[in-house]
Amino acid sequence: RDSGEILGDVIMPPWAKTPEEFTKISRDALESEHVSQHLHHWIDLIFGDKQQGPKAVKAFNVFCHYTYENAVDIDAIEDECERNSVLAQIEE
């Protein structure tokens, strides 16, 4: 959640000793042959035909219905507790 709290320095994962090394390793991974060969699968999950519907179910790419855009009218939920619950699920 975004609490507005200002964060301090980021702790590097054990495999990167500096921010520069983290950036280089991440860039190398993203530019790798493996990613080039499989990126279209990720695009299908995020933007394509596996985003929702039967193909999303088959690809195990489904989420709580509240998280889908325009799936619920927050203003129509009169019960404050229920509205806050739905908002909390959306914000996760």
C-alpha atoms as a PDB file:
ATOM      1  CA  ARG A   1       0.000   0.000   0.000  1.00  0.00           C
ATOM      2  CA  ASP A   2       1.066   3.526  -0.555  1.00  0.00           C
ATOM      3  CA  SER A   3       1.007   5.106   2.876  1.00  0.00           C
ATOM      4  CA  GLY A   4       2.981   8.128   1.740  1.00  0.00           C
ATOM      5  CA  GLU A   5       5.819   7.130   4.056  1.00  0.00           C
ATOM      6  CA  ILE A   6       9.205   8.215   2.717  1.00  0.00           C
ATOM      7  CA  LEU A   7      11.505   5.245   2.314  1.00  0.00           C
ATOM      8  CA  GLY A   8      15.189   5.257   3.050  1.00  0.00           C
ATOM      9  CA  ASP A   9      17.868   3.471   1.103  1.00  0.00           C
ATOM     10  CA  VAL A  10      16.854   0.330  -0.726  1.00  0.00           C
ATOM     11  CA  ILE A  11      18.566  -2.847   0.439  1.00  0.00           C
ATOM     12  CA  MET A  12      20.222  -4.660  -2.430  1.00  0.00           C
ATOM     13  CA  PRO A  13      19.484  -8.354  -2.914  1.00  0.00           C
ATOM     14  CA  PRO A  14      22.390 -10.657  -1.997  1.00  0.00           C
ATOM     15  CA  TRP A  15      23.358 -11.125  -5.647  1.00  0.00           C
ATOM     16  CA  ALA A  16      23.991  -7.387  -6.193  1.00  0.00           C
ATOM     17  CA  LYS A  17      26.426  -5.448  -4.060  1.00  0.00           C
ATOM     18  CA  THR A  18      25.730  -1.992  -5.538  1.00  0.00           C
ATOM     19  CA  PRO A  19      22.850  -0.212  -7.286  1.00  0.00           C
ATOM     20  CA  GLU A  20      24.935  -0.187 -10.457  1.00  0.00           C
ATOM     21  CA  GLU A  21      25.468  -3.945 -10.310  1.00  0.00           C
ATOM     22  CA  PHE A  22      21.737  -4.463  -9.672  1.00  0.00           C
ATOM     23  CA  THR A  23      20.916  -2.321 -12.712  1.00  0.00           C
ATOM     24  CA  LYS A  24      23.432  -4.122 -14.923  1.00  0.00           C
ATOM     25  CA  ILE A  25      22.288  -7.611 -13.923  1.00  0.00           C
ATOM     26  CA  SER A  26      18.633  -6.619 -14.339  1.00  0.00           C
ATOM     27  CA  ARG A  27      19.302  -5.039 -17.734  1.00  0.00           C
ATOM     28  CA  ASP A  28      21.301  -8.053 -18.896  1.00  0.00           C
ATOM     29  CA  ALA A  29      18.460 -10.352 -17.835  1.00  0.00           C
ATOM     30  CA  LEU A  30      15.815  -8.262 -19.593  1.00  0.00           C
ATOM     31  CA  GLU A  31      17.921  -8.146 -22.765  1.00  0.00           C
ATOM     32  CA  SER A  32      18.679 -11.880 -22.681  1.00  0.00           C
ATOM     33  CA  GLU A  33      17.756 -14.371 -25.386  1.00  0.00           C
ATOM     34  CA  HIS A  34      15.422 -16.165 -22.949  1.00  0.00           C
ATOM     35  CA  VAL A  35      13.365 -13.019 -22.344  1.00  0.00           C
ATOM     36  CA  SER A  36      13.348 -12.215 -26.055  1.00  0.00           C
ATOM     37  CA  GLN A  37      11.948 -15.671 -26.789  1.00  0.00           C
ATOM     38  CA  HIS A  38       9.293 -15.575 -24.043  1.00  0.00           C
ATOM     39  CA  LEU A  39       8.256 -11.920 -23.750  1.00  0.00           C
ATOM     40  CA  HIS A  40       5.176 -12.458 -25.918  1.00  0.00           C
ATOM     41  CA  HIS A  41       3.789 -14.862 -23.281  1.00  0.00           C
ATOM     42  CA  TRP A  42       3.973 -12.139 -20.639  1.00  0.00           C
ATOM     43  CA  ILE A  43       2.394  -9.635 -23.027  1.00  0.00           C
ATOM     44  CA  ASP A  44      -0.521 -12.042 -23.582  1.00  0.00           C
ATOM     45  CA  LEU A  45      -1.025 -12.307 -19.810  1.00  0.00           C
ATOM     46  CA  ILE A  46      -0.906  -8.577 -19.136  1.00  0.00           C
ATOM     47  CA  PHE A  47      -2.376  -7.016 -22.283  1.00  0.00           C
ATOM     48  CA  GLY A  48      -3.618  -9.814 -24.509  1.00  0.00           C
ATOM     49  CA  ASP A  49      -6.169 -12.566 -24.736  1.00  0.00           C
ATOM     50  CA  LYS A  50      -5.028 -14.234 -21.497  1.00  0.00           C
ATOM     51  CA  GLN A  51      -5.869 -11.146 -19.452  1.00  0.00           C
ATOM     52  CA  GLN A  52      -9.460 -12.262 -18.738  1.00  0.00           C
ATOM     53  CA  GLY A  53     -11.842 -15.057 -19.632  1.00  0.00           C
ATOM     54  CA  PRO A  54     -11.279 -18.775 -20.268  1.00  0.00           C
ATOM     55  CA  LYS A  55      -7.698 -18.330 -21.506  1.00  0.00           C
ATOM     56  CA  ALA A  56      -6.834 -16.409 -18.327  1.00  0.00           C
ATOM     57  CA  VAL A  57      -8.294 -19.224 -16.219  1.00  0.00           C
ATOM     58  CA  LYS A  58      -6.321 -21.834 -18.165  1.00  0.00           C
ATOM     59  CA  ALA A  59      -3.127 -19.755 -17.696  1.00  0.00           C
ATOM     60  CA  PHE A  60      -3.815 -19.320 -13.937  1.00  0.00           C
ATOM     61  CA  ASN A  61      -3.950 -15.563 -14.546  1.00  0.00           C
ATOM     62  CA  VAL A  62      -7.083 -14.667 -12.572  1.00  0.00           C
ATOM     63  CA  PHE A  63      -7.544 -12.330  -9.651  1.00  0.00           C
ATOM     64  CA  CYS A  64     -10.280 -11.248  -7.279  1.00  0.00           C
ATOM     65  CA  HIS A  65     -13.003  -9.643  -9.385  1.00  0.00           C
ATOM     66  CA  TYR A  66     -12.669  -6.403  -7.409  1.00  0.00           C
ATOM     67  CA  THR A  67      -9.231  -5.844  -8.931  1.00  0.00           C
ATOM     68  CA  TYR A  68     -10.559  -5.544 -12.488  1.00  0.00           C
ATOM     69  CA  GLU A  69     -11.279  -2.058 -13.755  1.00  0.00           C
ATOM     70  CA  ASN A  70     -14.952  -1.044 -13.511  1.00  0.00           C
ATOM     71  CA  ALA A  71     -15.872  -4.353 -11.848  1.00  0.00           C
ATOM     72  CA  VAL A  72     -17.579  -2.659  -8.916  1.00  0.00           C
ATOM     73  CA  ASP A  73     -19.245   0.699  -8.326  1.00  0.00           C
ATOM     74  CA  ILE A  74     -17.683   1.854  -5.060  1.00  0.00           C
ATOM     75  CA  ASP A  75     -20.133   4.749  -4.751  1.00  0.00           C
ATOM     76  CA  ALA A  76     -23.054   2.311  -4.826  1.00  0.00           C
ATOM     77  CA  ILE A  77     -21.846   0.435  -1.725  1.00  0.00           C
ATOM     78  CA  GLU A  78     -23.753   2.034   1.113  1.00  0.00           C
ATOM     79  CA  ASP A  79     -22.329   0.023   4.003  1.00  0.00           C
ATOM     80  CA  GLU A  80     -19.126   1.784   5.102  1.00  0.00           C
ATOM     81  CA  CYS A  81     -17.510  -1.402   6.412  1.00  0.00           C
ATOM     82  CA  GLU A  82     -18.180  -3.252   3.148  1.00  0.00           C
ATOM     83  CA  ARG A  83     -16.962  -0.284   1.078  1.00  0.00           C
ATOM     84  CA  ASN A  84     -13.741  -0.102   3.097  1.00  0.00           C
ATOM     85  CA  SER A  85     -13.266  -3.847   2.700  1.00  0.00           C
ATOM     86  CA  VAL A  86     -13.680  -3.645  -1.072  1.00  0.00           C
ATOM     87  CA  LEU A  87     -11.325  -0.657  -1.270  1.00  0.00           C
ATOM     88  CA  ALA A  88      -8.708  -2.541   0.749  1.00  0.00           C
ATOM     89  CA  GLN A  89      -8.890  -5.471  -1.674  1.00  0.00           C
ATOM     90  CA  ILE A  90      -8.598  -3.145  -4.675  1.00  0.00           C
ATOM     91  CA  GLU A  91      -5.563  -1.393  -3.181  1.00  0.00           C
ATOM     92  CA  GLU A  92      -3.693  -4.632  -2.522  1.00  0.00           C
END
